[in-house]
């Protein structure tokens, strides 16, 4: 019995439990989807999108904003890329500009026959 008490006192202490990593706080603004807000975050239209990407753009806008009305827009070049900018108005009157990178789709365009 005395030997058990002596051996019990010599037992190795268990290793401390690992501490969880601290939780990194993220602001609500950082969680906002900025896709399409600018040329830097332009939505890439697939090269094989039919109808010059028009339907792809409309579907993307609807999926992200809901019902909308196209108010205008245009195309342009910057830094070797081609962009389509679509101006829309939502049901509640909010207005937005949505940027699409149409470079690859544009390269495949052929005039109608």
PDB file of N, CA and C in Angstrom:
ATOM      1  N   UNK A   1       0.815  -1.181   0.000  1.00  0.00           N
ATOM      2  CA  UNK A   1       0.000   0.000   0.000  1.00  0.00           C
ATOM      3  C   UNK A   1       0.862   1.249   0.000  1.00  0.00           C
ATOM      4  N   UNK A   2       1.932   1.218   0.737  1.00  0.00           N
ATOM      5  CA  UNK A   2       2.847   2.343   0.774  1.00  0.00           C
ATOM      6  C   UNK A   2       3.492   2.553  -0.573  1.00  0.00           C
ATOM      7  N   UNK A   3       3.790   1.432  -1.280  1.00  0.00           N
ATOM      8  CA  UNK A   3       4.410   1.540  -2.594  1.00  0.00           C
ATOM      9  C   UNK A   3       3.446   2.165  -3.594  1.00  0.00           C
ATOM     10  N   UNK A   4       2.170   1.834  -3.474  1.00  0.00           N
ATOM     11  CA  UNK A   4       1.170   2.390  -4.383  1.00  0.00           C
ATOM     12  C   UNK A   4       1.074   3.888  -4.190  1.00  0.00           C
ATOM     13  N   UNK A   5       1.111   4.337  -2.938  1.00  0.00           N
ATOM     14  CA  UNK A   5       1.019   5.762  -2.669  1.00  0.00           C
ATOM     15  C   UNK A   5       2.224   6.487  -3.228  1.00  0.00           C
ATOM     16  N   UNK A   6       3.398   5.871  -3.133  1.00  0.00           N
ATOM     17  CA  UNK A   6       4.619   6.507  -3.637  1.00  0.00           C
ATOM     18  C   UNK A   6       4.573   6.563  -5.164  1.00  0.00           C
ATOM     19  N   UNK A   7       4.184   5.445  -5.810  1.00  0.00           N
ATOM     20  CA  UNK A   7       4.127   5.428  -7.268  1.00  0.00           C
ATOM     21  C   UNK A   7       3.043   6.378  -7.793  1.00  0.00           C
ATOM     22  N   UNK A   8       1.952   6.456  -7.052  1.00  0.00           N
ATOM     23  CA  UNK A   8       0.865   7.343  -7.479  1.00  0.00           C
ATOM     24  C   UNK A   8       1.309   8.788  -7.464  1.00  0.00           C
ATOM     25  N   UNK A   9       2.183   9.152  -6.542  1.00  0.00           N
ATOM     26  CA  UNK A   9       2.666  10.520  -6.460  1.00  0.00           C
ATOM     27  C   UNK A   9       3.652  10.840  -7.563  1.00  0.00           C
ATOM     28  N   UNK A  10       4.238   9.820  -8.196  1.00  0.00           N
ATOM     29  CA  UNK A  10       5.221  10.042  -9.259  1.00  0.00           C
ATOM     30  C   UNK A  10       4.598  10.008 -10.650  1.00  0.00           C
ATOM     31  N   UNK A  11       3.317   9.776 -10.754  1.00  0.00           N
ATOM     32  CA  UNK A  11       2.671   9.685 -12.071  1.00  0.00           C
ATOM     33  C   UNK A  11       2.805  11.007 -12.810  1.00  0.00           C
ATOM     34  N   UNK A  12       3.048  10.928 -14.115  1.00  0.00           N
ATOM     35  CA  UNK A  12       3.196  12.129 -14.937  1.00  0.00           C
ATOM     36  C   UNK A  12       1.873  12.863 -15.006  1.00  0.00           C
ATOM     37  N   UNK A  13       1.952  14.175 -14.975  1.00  0.00           N
ATOM     38  CA  UNK A  13       0.733  14.983 -15.083  1.00  0.00           C
ATOM     39  C   UNK A  13       0.282  14.969 -16.536  1.00  0.00           C
ATOM     40  N   UNK A  14      -1.028  14.901 -16.782  1.00  0.00           N
ATOM     41  CA  UNK A  14      -1.498  14.924 -18.170  1.00  0.00           C
ATOM     42  C   UNK A  14      -1.184  16.272 -18.829  1.00  0.00           C
ATOM     43  N   UNK A  15      -0.949  16.220 -20.136  1.00  0.00           N
ATOM     44  CA  UNK A  15      -0.672  17.448 -20.885  1.00  0.00           C
ATOM     45  C   UNK A  15      -1.904  18.331 -20.869  1.00  0.00           C
ATOM     46  N   UNK A  16      -1.710  19.627 -20.811  1.00  0.00           N
ATOM     47  CA  UNK A  16      -2.882  20.515 -20.810  1.00  0.00           C
ATOM     48  C   UNK A  16      -3.650  20.379 -22.128  1.00  0.00           C
ATOM     49  N   UNK A  17      -4.948  20.538 -22.040  1.00  0.00           N
ATOM     50  CA  UNK A  17      -5.802  20.451 -23.235  1.00  0.00           C
ATOM     51  C   UNK A  17      -5.469  21.606 -24.168  1.00  0.00           C
ATOM     52  N   UNK A  18      -5.461  21.352 -25.473  1.00  0.00           N
ATOM     53  CA  UNK A  18      -5.166  22.446 -26.409  1.00  0.00           C
ATOM     54  C   UNK A  18      -6.241  23.527 -26.310  1.00  0.00           C
ATOM     55  N   UNK A  19      -5.797  24.758 -26.414  1.00  0.00           N
ATOM     56  CA  UNK A  19      -6.713  25.890 -26.344  1.00  0.00           C
ATOM     57  C   UNK A  19      -7.286  26.170 -27.736  1.00  0.00           C
ATOM     58  N   UNK A  20      -8.572  26.450 -27.816  1.00  0.00           N
ATOM     59  CA  UNK A  20      -9.138  26.777 -29.133  1.00  0.00           C
ATOM     60  C   UNK A  20      -8.548  28.089 -29.647  1.00  0.00           C
ATOM     61  N   UNK A  21      -8.437  28.173 -30.958  1.00  0.00           N
ATOM     62  CA  UNK A  21      -7.916  29.397 -31.573  1.00  0.00           C
ATOM     63  C   UNK A  21      -8.893  30.532 -31.293  1.00  0.00           C
ATOM     64  N   UNK A  22      -8.374  31.722 -31.093  1.00  0.00           N
ATOM     65  CA  UNK A  22      -9.278  32.850 -30.851  1.00  0.00           C
ATOM     66  C   UNK A  22     -10.152  33.092 -32.079  1.00  0.00           C
ATOM     67  N   UNK A  23     -11.378  33.493 -31.839  1.00  0.00           N
ATOM     68  CA  UNK A  23     -12.325  33.757 -32.923  1.00  0.00           C
ATOM     69  C   UNK A  23     -12.004  35.122 -33.508  1.00  0.00           C
ATOM     70  N   UNK A  24     -11.784  35.145 -34.827  1.00  0.00           N
ATOM     71  CA  UNK A  24     -11.503  36.403 -35.504  1.00  0.00           C
ATOM     72  C   UNK A  24     -12.833  37.066 -35.839  1.00  0.00           C
ATOM     73  N   UNK A  25     -13.004  38.281 -35.390  1.00  0.00           N
ATOM     74  CA  UNK A  25     -14.250  38.992 -35.671  1.00  0.00           C
ATOM     75  C   UNK A  25     -14.212  39.561 -37.077  1.00  0.00           C
ATOM     76  N   UNK A  26     -15.335  39.483 -37.769  1.00  0.00           N
ATOM     77  CA  UNK A  26     -15.465  40.009 -39.114  1.00  0.00           C
ATOM     78  C   UNK A  26     -16.607  40.996 -39.126  1.00  0.00           C
ATOM     79  N   UNK A  27     -16.368  42.163 -39.666  1.00  0.00           N
ATOM     80  CA  UNK A  27     -17.425  43.170 -39.704  1.00  0.00           C
ATOM     81  C   UNK A  27     -18.495  42.764 -40.708  1.00  0.00           C
ATOM     82  N   UNK A  28     -19.684  43.274 -40.499  1.00  0.00           N
ATOM     83  CA  UNK A  28     -20.791  42.984 -41.413  1.00  0.00           C
ATOM     84  C   UNK A  28     -20.468  43.504 -42.817  1.00  0.00           C
ATOM     85  N   UNK A  29     -19.791  44.638 -42.889  1.00  0.00           N
ATOM     86  CA  UNK A  29     -19.446  45.210 -44.193  1.00  0.00           C
ATOM     87  C   UNK A  29     -18.525  44.286 -44.975  1.00  0.00           C
ATOM     88  N   UNK A  30     -17.658  43.556 -44.280  1.00  0.00           N
ATOM     89  CA  UNK A  30     -16.739  42.645 -44.962  1.00  0.00           C
ATOM     90  C   UNK A  30     -17.455  41.429 -45.527  1.00  0.00           C
ATOM     91  N   UNK A  31     -18.644  41.138 -45.040  1.00  0.00           N
ATOM     92  CA  UNK A  31     -19.398  39.975 -45.502  1.00  0.00           C
ATOM     93  C   UNK A  31     -20.265  40.278 -46.718  1.00  0.00           C
ATOM     94  N   UNK A  32     -20.392  41.535 -47.080  1.00  0.00           N
ATOM     95  CA  UNK A  32     -21.226  41.932 -48.212  1.00  0.00           C
ATOM     96  C   UNK A  32     -20.584  41.446 -49.506  1.00  0.00           C
ATOM     97  N   UNK A  33     -21.395  40.882 -50.387  1.00  0.00           N
ATOM     98  CA  UNK A  33     -20.922  40.412 -51.689  1.00  0.00           C
ATOM     99  C   UNK A  33     -20.748  41.628 -52.597  1.00  0.00           C
ATOM    100  N   UNK A  34     -19.524  41.878 -53.027  1.00  0.00           N
ATOM    101  CA  UNK A  34     -19.253  43.028 -53.878  1.00  0.00           C
ATOM    102  C   UNK A  34     -19.092  42.643 -55.347  1.00  0.00           C
ATOM    103  N   UNK A  35     -19.416  41.406 -55.701  1.00  0.00           N
ATOM    104  CA  UNK A  35     -19.289  40.965 -57.089  1.00  0.00           C
ATOM    105  C   UNK A  35     -20.121  41.876 -57.985  1.00  0.00           C
ATOM    106  N   UNK A  36     -19.483  42.381 -59.023  1.00  0.00           N
ATOM    107  CA  UNK A  36     -20.189  43.211 -59.990  1.00  0.00           C
ATOM    108  C   UNK A  36     -20.277  44.678 -59.633  1.00  0.00           C
ATOM    109  N   UNK A  37     -19.720  45.095 -58.490  1.00  0.00           N
ATOM    110  CA  UNK A  37     -19.807  46.493 -58.068  1.00  0.00           C
ATOM    111  C   UNK A  37     -18.858  47.418 -58.823  1.00  0.00           C
ATOM    112  N   UNK A  38     -17.811  46.851 -59.427  1.00  0.00           N
ATOM    113  CA  UNK A  38     -16.797  47.670 -60.087  1.00  0.00           C
ATOM    114  C   UNK A  38     -16.074  46.821 -61.137  1.00  0.00           C
ATOM    115  N   UNK A  39     -15.169  47.449 -61.871  1.00  0.00           N
ATOM    116  CA  UNK A  39     -14.389  46.682 -62.843  1.00  0.00           C
ATOM    117  C   UNK A  39     -13.518  45.655 -62.124  1.00  0.00           C
ATOM    118  N   UNK A  40     -13.030  45.994 -60.931  1.00  0.00           N
ATOM    119  CA  UNK A  40     -12.178  45.079 -60.178  1.00  0.00           C
ATOM    120  C   UNK A  40     -12.940  43.833 -59.720  1.00  0.00           C
ATOM    121  N   UNK A  41     -14.238  43.960 -59.514  1.00  0.00           N
ATOM    122  CA  UNK A  41     -15.050  42.820 -59.046  1.00  0.00           C
ATOM    123  C   UNK A  41     -16.062  42.386 -60.096  1.00  0.00           C
ATOM    124  N   UNK A  42     -15.801  42.754 -61.356  1.00  0.00           N
ATOM    125  CA  UNK A  42     -16.742  42.448 -62.444  1.00  0.00           C
ATOM    126  C   UNK A  42     -17.025  40.951 -62.524  1.00  0.00           C
ATOM    127  N   UNK A  43     -18.255  40.622 -62.833  1.00  0.00           N
ATOM    128  CA  UNK A  43     -18.685  39.236 -62.991  1.00  0.00           C
ATOM    129  C   UNK A  43     -18.249  38.771 -64.378  1.00  0.00           C
ATOM    130  N   UNK A  44     -17.546  37.655 -64.418  1.00  0.00           N
ATOM    131  CA  UNK A  44     -17.043  37.160 -65.704  1.00  0.00           C
ATOM    132  C   UNK A  44     -18.142  36.405 -66.451  1.00  0.00           C
ATOM    133  N   UNK A  45     -18.421  36.854 -67.659  1.00  0.00           N
ATOM    134  CA  UNK A  45     -19.395  36.184 -68.518  1.00  0.00           C
ATOM    135  C   UNK A  45     -18.667  35.034 -69.213  1.00  0.00           C
ATOM    136  N   UNK A  46     -19.188  33.810 -69.113  1.00  0.00           N
ATOM    137  CA  UNK A  46     -18.511  32.663 -69.739  1.00  0.00           C
ATOM    138  C   UNK A  46     -18.329  32.867 -71.244  1.00  0.00           C
ATOM    139  N   UNK A  47     -17.236  32.357 -71.758  1.00  0.00           N
ATOM    140  CA  UNK A  47     -16.941  32.496 -73.186  1.00  0.00           C
ATOM    141  C   UNK A  47     -18.042  31.895 -74.051  1.00  0.00           C
ATOM    142  N   UNK A  48     -18.658  30.821 -73.572  1.00  0.00           N
ATOM    143  CA  UNK A  48     -19.670  30.141 -74.378  1.00  0.00           C
ATOM    144  C   UNK A  48     -21.104  30.576 -74.057  1.00  0.00           C
ATOM    145  N   UNK A  49     -21.272  31.677 -73.336  1.00  0.00           N
ATOM    146  CA  UNK A  49     -22.626  32.156 -73.025  1.00  0.00           C
ATOM    147  C   UNK A  49     -23.309  32.591 -74.321  1.00  0.00           C
ATOM    148  N   UNK A  50     -24.506  32.060 -74.607  1.00  0.00           N
ATOM    149  CA  UNK A  50     -25.206  32.430 -75.849  1.00  0.00           C
ATOM    150  C   UNK A  50     -25.742  33.857 -75.798  1.00  0.00           C
ATOM    151  N   UNK A  51     -26.186  34.335 -76.937  1.00  0.00           N
ATOM    152  CA  UNK A  51     -26.796  35.668 -77.061  1.00  0.00           C
ATOM    153  C   UNK A  51     -25.879  36.776 -76.556  1.00  0.00           C
ATOM    154  N   UNK A  52     -24.586  36.625 -76.833  1.00  0.00           N
ATOM    155  CA  UNK A  52     -23.589  37.618 -76.432  1.00  0.00           C
ATOM    156  C   UNK A  52     -23.573  37.850 -74.922  1.00  0.00           C
ATOM    157  N   UNK A  53     -24.033  36.860 -74.166  1.00  0.00           N
ATOM    158  CA  UNK A  53     -24.024  36.942 -72.707  1.00  0.00           C
ATOM    159  C   UNK A  53     -25.193  37.696 -72.113  1.00  0.00           C
ATOM    160  N   UNK A  54     -26.106  38.166 -72.958  1.00  0.00           N
ATOM    161  CA  UNK A  54     -27.238  38.971 -72.478  1.00  0.00           C
ATOM    162  C   UNK A  54     -28.083  38.210 -71.453  1.00  0.00           C
ATOM    163  N   UNK A  55     -28.417  36.974 -71.769  1.00  0.00           N
ATOM    164  CA  UNK A  55     -29.238  36.177 -70.852  1.00  0.00           C
ATOM    165  C   UNK A  55     -28.471  35.875 -69.558  1.00  0.00           C
ATOM    166  N   UNK A  56     -27.177  35.570 -69.676  1.00  0.00           N
ATOM    167  CA  UNK A  56     -26.357  35.323 -68.496  1.00  0.00           C
ATOM    168  C   UNK A  56     -26.389  36.537 -67.561  1.00  0.00           C
ATOM    169  N   UNK A  57     -26.211  37.725 -68.145  1.00  0.00           N
ATOM    170  CA  UNK A  57     -26.234  38.949 -67.341  1.00  0.00           C
ATOM    171  C   UNK A  57     -27.579  39.132 -66.653  1.00  0.00           C
ATOM    172  N   UNK A  58     -28.658  38.980 -67.409  1.00  0.00           N
ATOM    173  CA  UNK A  58     -29.994  39.142 -66.812  1.00  0.00           C
ATOM    174  C   UNK A  58     -30.232  38.132 -65.701  1.00  0.00           C
ATOM    175  N   UNK A  59     -29.863  36.879 -65.919  1.00  0.00           N
ATOM    176  CA  UNK A  59     -30.045  35.846 -64.889  1.00  0.00           C
ATOM    177  C   UNK A  59     -29.218  36.159 -63.649  1.00  0.00           C
ATOM    178  N   UNK A  60     -27.986  36.615 -63.842  1.00  0.00           N
ATOM    179  CA  UNK A  60     -27.123  36.933 -62.700  1.00  0.00           C
ATOM    180  C   UNK A  60     -27.719  38.090 -61.900  1.00  0.00           C
ATOM    181  N   UNK A  61     -28.147  39.133 -62.603  1.00  0.00           N
ATOM    182  CA  UNK A  61     -28.736  40.292 -61.914  1.00  0.00           C
ATOM    183  C   UNK A  61     -29.983  39.866 -61.151  1.00  0.00           C
ATOM    184  N   UNK A  62     -30.853  39.099 -61.777  1.00  0.00           N
ATOM    185  CA  UNK A  62     -32.081  38.647 -61.104  1.00  0.00           C
ATOM    186  C   UNK A  62     -31.756  37.805 -59.874  1.00  0.00           C
ATOM    187  N   UNK A  63     -30.782  36.899 -59.993  1.00  0.00           N
ATOM    188  CA  UNK A  63     -30.402  36.044 -58.864  1.00  0.00           C
ATOM    189  C   UNK A  63     -29.856  36.845 -57.688  1.00  0.00           C
ATOM    190  N   UNK A  64     -29.250  37.996 -57.962  1.00  0.00           N
ATOM    191  CA  UNK A  64     -28.637  38.793 -56.891  1.00  0.00           C
ATOM    192  C   UNK A  64     -29.501  39.954 -56.411  1.00  0.00           C
ATOM    193  N   UNK A  65     -30.401  40.445 -57.243  1.00  0.00           N
ATOM    194  CA  UNK A  65     -31.198  41.611 -56.873  1.00  0.00           C
ATOM    195  C   UNK A  65     -32.704  41.371 -56.905  1.00  0.00           C
ATOM    196  N   UNK A  66     -33.147  40.336 -57.578  1.00  0.00           N
ATOM    197  CA  UNK A  66     -34.582  40.139 -57.750  1.00  0.00           C
ATOM    198  C   UNK A  66     -35.066  40.899 -58.977  1.00  0.00           C
ATOM    199  N   UNK A  67     -36.349  41.200 -58.989  1.00  0.00           N
ATOM    200  CA  UNK A  67     -36.941  41.887 -60.135  1.00  0.00           C
ATOM    201  C   UNK A  67     -36.250  43.231 -60.362  1.00  0.00           C
ATOM    202  N   UNK A  68     -35.939  43.512 -61.615  1.00  0.00           N
ATOM    203  CA  UNK A  68     -35.237  44.752 -61.954  1.00  0.00           C
ATOM    204  C   UNK A  68     -35.651  45.221 -63.328  1.00  0.00           C
ATOM    205  N   UNK A  69     -35.301  46.464 -63.621  1.00  0.00           N
ATOM    206  CA  UNK A  69     -35.517  47.030 -64.954  1.00  0.00           C
ATOM    207  C   UNK A  69     -34.183  47.586 -65.431  1.00  0.00           C
ATOM    208  N   UNK A  70     -33.803  47.228 -66.655  1.00  0.00           N
ATOM    209  CA  UNK A  70     -32.592  47.811 -67.234  1.00  0.00           C
ATOM    210  C   UNK A  70     -32.880  49.265 -67.572  1.00  0.00           C
ATOM    211  N   UNK A  71     -31.993  50.155 -67.120  1.00  0.00           N
ATOM    212  CA  UNK A  71     -32.164  51.584 -67.390  1.00  0.00           C
ATOM    213  C   UNK A  71     -31.184  52.079 -68.446  1.00  0.00           C
ATOM    214  N   UNK A  72     -30.120  51.344 -68.667  1.00  0.00           N
ATOM    215  CA  UNK A  72     -29.118  51.775 -69.634  1.00  0.00           C
ATOM    216  C   UNK A  72     -27.849  50.982 -69.437  1.00  0.00           C
ATOM    217  N   UNK A  73     -26.792  51.474 -70.033  1.00  0.00           N
ATOM    218  CA  UNK A  73     -25.511  50.815 -69.890  1.00  0.00           C
ATOM    219  C   UNK A  73     -24.669  51.004 -71.129  1.00  0.00           C
ATOM    220  N   UNK A  74     -23.577  50.265 -71.189  1.00  0.00           N
ATOM    221  CA  UNK A  74     -22.692  50.369 -72.325  1.00  0.00           C
ATOM    222  C   UNK A  74     -21.500  49.444 -72.149  1.00  0.00           C
ATOM    223  N   UNK A  75     -20.634  49.446 -73.156  1.00  0.00           N
ATOM    224  CA  UNK A  75     -19.429  48.625 -73.094  1.00  0.00           C
ATOM    225  C   UNK A  75     -18.213  49.530 -73.196  1.00  0.00           C
ATOM    226  N   UNK A  76     -17.099  48.995 -72.732  1.00  0.00           N
ATOM    227  CA  UNK A  76     -15.861  49.751 -72.801  1.00  0.00           C
ATOM    228  C   UNK A  76     -14.667  48.866 -72.538  1.00  0.00           C
ATOM    229  N   UNK A  77     -13.479  49.433 -72.726  1.00  0.00           N
ATOM    230  CA  UNK A  77     -12.218  48.708 -72.518  1.00  0.00           C
ATOM    231  C   UNK A  77     -11.436  49.365 -71.397  1.00  0.00           C
ATOM    232  N   UNK A  78     -10.734  48.545 -70.633  1.00  0.00           N
ATOM    233  CA  UNK A  78      -9.808  49.045 -69.613  1.00  0.00           C
ATOM    234  C   UNK A  78      -8.797  47.948 -69.326  1.00  0.00           C
ATOM    235  N   UNK A  79      -7.534  48.316 -69.298  1.00  0.00           N
ATOM    236  CA  UNK A  79      -6.455  47.384 -68.954  1.00  0.00           C
ATOM    237  C   UNK A  79      -6.515  46.088 -69.772  1.00  0.00           C
ATOM    238  N   UNK A  80      -6.840  46.213 -71.062  1.00  0.00           N
ATOM    239  CA  UNK A  80      -6.862  45.049 -71.940  1.00  0.00           C
ATOM    240  C   UNK A  80      -8.072  44.147 -71.768  1.00  0.00           C
ATOM    241  N   UNK A  81      -9.048  44.557 -70.984  1.00  0.00           N
ATOM    242  CA  UNK A  81     -10.272  43.772 -70.773  1.00  0.00           C
ATOM    243  C   UNK A  81     -11.448  44.552 -71.347  1.00  0.00           C
ATOM    244  N   UNK A  82     -12.520  43.844 -71.692  1.00  0.00           N
ATOM    245  CA  UNK A  82     -13.736  44.476 -72.209  1.00  0.00           C
ATOM    246  C   UNK A  82     -14.837  44.292 -71.170  1.00  0.00           C
ATOM    247  N   UNK A  83     -15.560  45.369 -70.893  1.00  0.00           N
ATOM    248  CA  UNK A  83     -16.583  45.354 -69.850  1.00  0.00           C
ATOM    249  C   UNK A  83     -17.930  45.794 -70.396  1.00  0.00           C
ATOM    250  N   UNK A  84     -18.959  45.240 -69.809  1.00  0.00           N
ATOM    251  CA  UNK A  84     -20.326  45.650 -70.066  1.00  0.00           C
ATOM    252  C   UNK A  84     -20.839  46.190 -68.738  1.00  0.00           C
ATOM    253  N   UNK A  85     -21.335  47.415 -68.740  1.00  0.00           N
ATOM    254  CA  UNK A  85     -21.879  48.033 -67.531  1.00  0.00           C
ATOM    255  C   UNK A  85     -23.382  48.146 -67.734  1.00  0.00           C
ATOM    256  N   UNK A  86     -24.144  47.580 -66.794  1.00  0.00           N
ATOM    257  CA  UNK A  86     -25.598  47.579 -66.897  1.00  0.00           C
ATOM    258  C   UNK A  86     -26.166  48.413 -65.753  1.00  0.00           C
ATOM    259  N   UNK A  87     -26.938  49.418 -66.106  1.00  0.00           N
ATOM    260  CA  UNK A  87     -27.596  50.253 -65.101  1.00  0.00           C
ATOM    261  C   UNK A  87     -28.997  49.704 -64.890  1.00  0.00           C
ATOM    262  N   UNK A  88     -29.341  49.431 -63.613  1.00  0.00           N
ATOM    263  CA  UNK A  88     -30.641  48.835 -63.311  1.00  0.00           C
ATOM    264  C   UNK A  88     -31.362  49.635 -62.230  1.00  0.00           C
ATOM    265  N   UNK A  89     -32.682  49.446 -62.200  1.00  0.00           N
ATOM    266  CA  UNK A  89     -33.509  50.005 -61.137  1.00  0.00           C
ATOM    267  C   UNK A  89     -34.313  48.859 -60.541  1.00  0.00           C
ATOM    268  N   UNK A  90     -34.323  48.782 -59.214  1.00  0.00           N
ATOM    269  CA  UNK A  90     -35.065  47.737 -58.515  1.00  0.00           C
ATOM    270  C   UNK A  90     -36.488  48.196 -58.233  1.00  0.00           C
ATOM    271  N   UNK A  91     -37.330  47.272 -57.785  1.00  0.00           N
ATOM    272  CA  UNK A  91     -38.731  47.587 -57.473  1.00  0.00           C
ATOM    273  C   UNK A  91     -38.868  48.738 -56.484  1.00  0.00           C
ATOM    274  N   UNK A  92     -37.940  48.781 -55.507  1.00  0.00           N
ATOM    275  CA  UNK A  92     -38.038  49.807 -54.472  1.00  0.00           C
ATOM    276  C   UNK A  92     -37.436  51.144 -54.901  1.00  0.00           C
ATOM    277  N   UNK A  93     -37.010  51.250 -56.165  1.00  0.00           N
ATOM    278  CA  UNK A  93     -36.464  52.495 -56.687  1.00  0.00           C
ATOM    279  C   UNK A  93     -34.951  52.616 -56.590  1.00  0.00           C
ATOM    280  N   UNK A  94     -34.293  51.694 -55.900  1.00  0.00           N
ATOM    281  CA  UNK A  94     -32.831  51.742 -55.810  1.00  0.00           C
ATOM    282  C   UNK A  94     -32.228  51.555 -57.195  1.00  0.00           C
ATOM    283  N   UNK A  95     -31.142  52.286 -57.435  1.00  0.00           N
ATOM    284  CA  UNK A  95     -30.444  52.166 -58.715  1.00  0.00           C
ATOM    285  C   UNK A  95     -29.051  51.608 -58.467  1.00  0.00           C
ATOM    286  N   UNK A  96     -28.617  50.748 -59.390  1.00  0.00           N
ATOM    287  CA  UNK A  96     -27.309  50.106 -59.283  1.00  0.00           C
ATOM    288  C   UNK A  96     -26.667  50.048 -60.662  1.00  0.00           C
ATOM    289  N   UNK A  97     -25.338  49.976 -60.644  1.00  0.00           N
ATOM    290  CA  UNK A  97     -24.565  49.671 -61.849  1.00  0.00           C
ATOM    291  C   UNK A  97     -23.922  48.315 -61.591  1.00  0.00           C
ATOM    292  N   UNK A  98     -24.033  47.430 -62.573  1.00  0.00           N
ATOM    293  CA  UNK A  98     -23.446  46.096 -62.452  1.00  0.00           C
ATOM    294  C   UNK A  98     -22.426  45.942 -63.580  1.00  0.00           C
ATOM    295  N   UNK A  99     -21.228  45.514 -63.201  1.00  0.00           N
ATOM    296  CA  UNK A  99     -20.121  45.382 -64.143  1.00  0.00           C
ATOM    297  C   UNK A  99     -19.914  43.912 -64.500  1.00  0.00           C
ATOM    298  N   UNK A 100     -19.812  43.656 -65.803  1.00  0.00           N
ATOM    299  CA  UNK A 100     -19.549  42.306 -66.300  1.00  0.00           C
ATOM    300  C   UNK A 100     -18.282  42.343 -67.150  1.00  0.00           C
ATOM    301  N   UNK A 101     -17.410  41.367 -66.948  1.00  0.00           N
ATOM    302  CA  UNK A 101     -16.214  41.215 -67.774  1.00  0.00           C
ATOM    303  C   UNK A 101     -16.612  40.311 -68.939  1.00  0.00           C
ATOM    304  N   UNK A 102     -16.707  40.892 -70.125  1.00  0.00           N
ATOM    305  CA  UNK A 102     -17.181  40.144 -71.296  1.00  0.00           C
ATOM    306  C   UNK A 102     -16.037  39.787 -72.249  1.00  0.00           C
ATOM    307  N   UNK A 103     -14.797  39.906 -71.787  1.00  0.00           N
ATOM    308  CA  UNK A 103     -13.628  39.723 -72.651  1.00  0.00           C
ATOM    309  C   UNK A 103     -13.658  38.404 -73.408  1.00  0.00           C
ATOM    310  N   UNK A 104     -13.776  37.291 -72.705  1.00  0.00           N
ATOM    311  CA  UNK A 104     -13.715  35.971 -73.363  1.00  0.00           C
ATOM    312  C   UNK A 104     -14.923  35.739 -74.264  1.00  0.00           C
ATOM    313  N   UNK A 105     -16.095  36.182 -73.838  1.00  0.00           N
ATOM    314  CA  UNK A 105     -17.292  36.047 -74.659  1.00  0.00           C
ATOM    315  C   UNK A 105     -17.168  36.903 -75.918  1.00  0.00           C
ATOM    316  N   UNK A 106     -16.617  38.076 -75.768  1.00  0.00           N
ATOM    317  CA  UNK A 106     -16.451  39.003 -76.888  1.00  0.00           C
ATOM    318  C   UNK A 106     -15.519  38.421 -77.945  1.00  0.00           C
ATOM    319  N   UNK A 107     -14.465  37.728 -77.504  1.00  0.00           N
ATOM    320  CA  UNK A 107     -13.507  37.133 -78.439  1.00  0.00           C
ATOM    321  C   UNK A 107     -14.158  36.088 -79.353  1.00  0.00           C
ATOM    322  N   UNK A 108     -15.222  35.465 -78.883  1.00  0.00           N
ATOM    323  CA  UNK A 108     -15.892  34.416 -79.669  1.00  0.00           C
ATOM    324  C   UNK A 108     -17.021  34.958 -80.551  1.00  0.00           C
ATOM    325  N   UNK A 109     -17.303  36.239 -80.428  1.00  0.00           N
ATOM    326  CA  UNK A 109     -18.422  36.803 -81.165  1.00  0.00           C
ATOM    327  C   UNK A 109     -18.145  36.770 -82.662  1.00  0.00           C
ATOM    328  N   UNK A 110     -19.162  36.408 -83.400  1.00  0.00           N
ATOM    329  CA  UNK A 110     -19.101  36.477 -84.862  1.00  0.00           C
ATOM    330  C   UNK A 110     -20.344  37.197 -85.350  1.00  0.00           C
ATOM    331  N   UNK A 111     -20.210  37.981 -86.393  1.00  0.00           N
ATOM    332  CA  UNK A 111     -21.383  38.710 -86.881  1.00  0.00           C
ATOM    333  C   UNK A 111     -22.439  37.738 -87.404  1.00  0.00           C
ATOM    334  N   UNK A 112     -23.719  38.124 -87.273  1.00  0.00           N
ATOM    335  CA  UNK A 112     -24.786  37.276 -87.791  1.00  0.00           C
ATOM    336  C   UNK A 112     -24.665  37.139 -89.307  1.00  0.00           C
ATOM    337  N   UNK A 113     -25.117  35.995 -89.812  1.00  0.00           N
ATOM    338  CA  UNK A 113     -25.041  35.738 -91.264  1.00  0.00           C
ATOM    339  C   UNK A 113     -26.337  36.011 -91.937  1.00  0.00           C
TER     340      UNK A 113
END
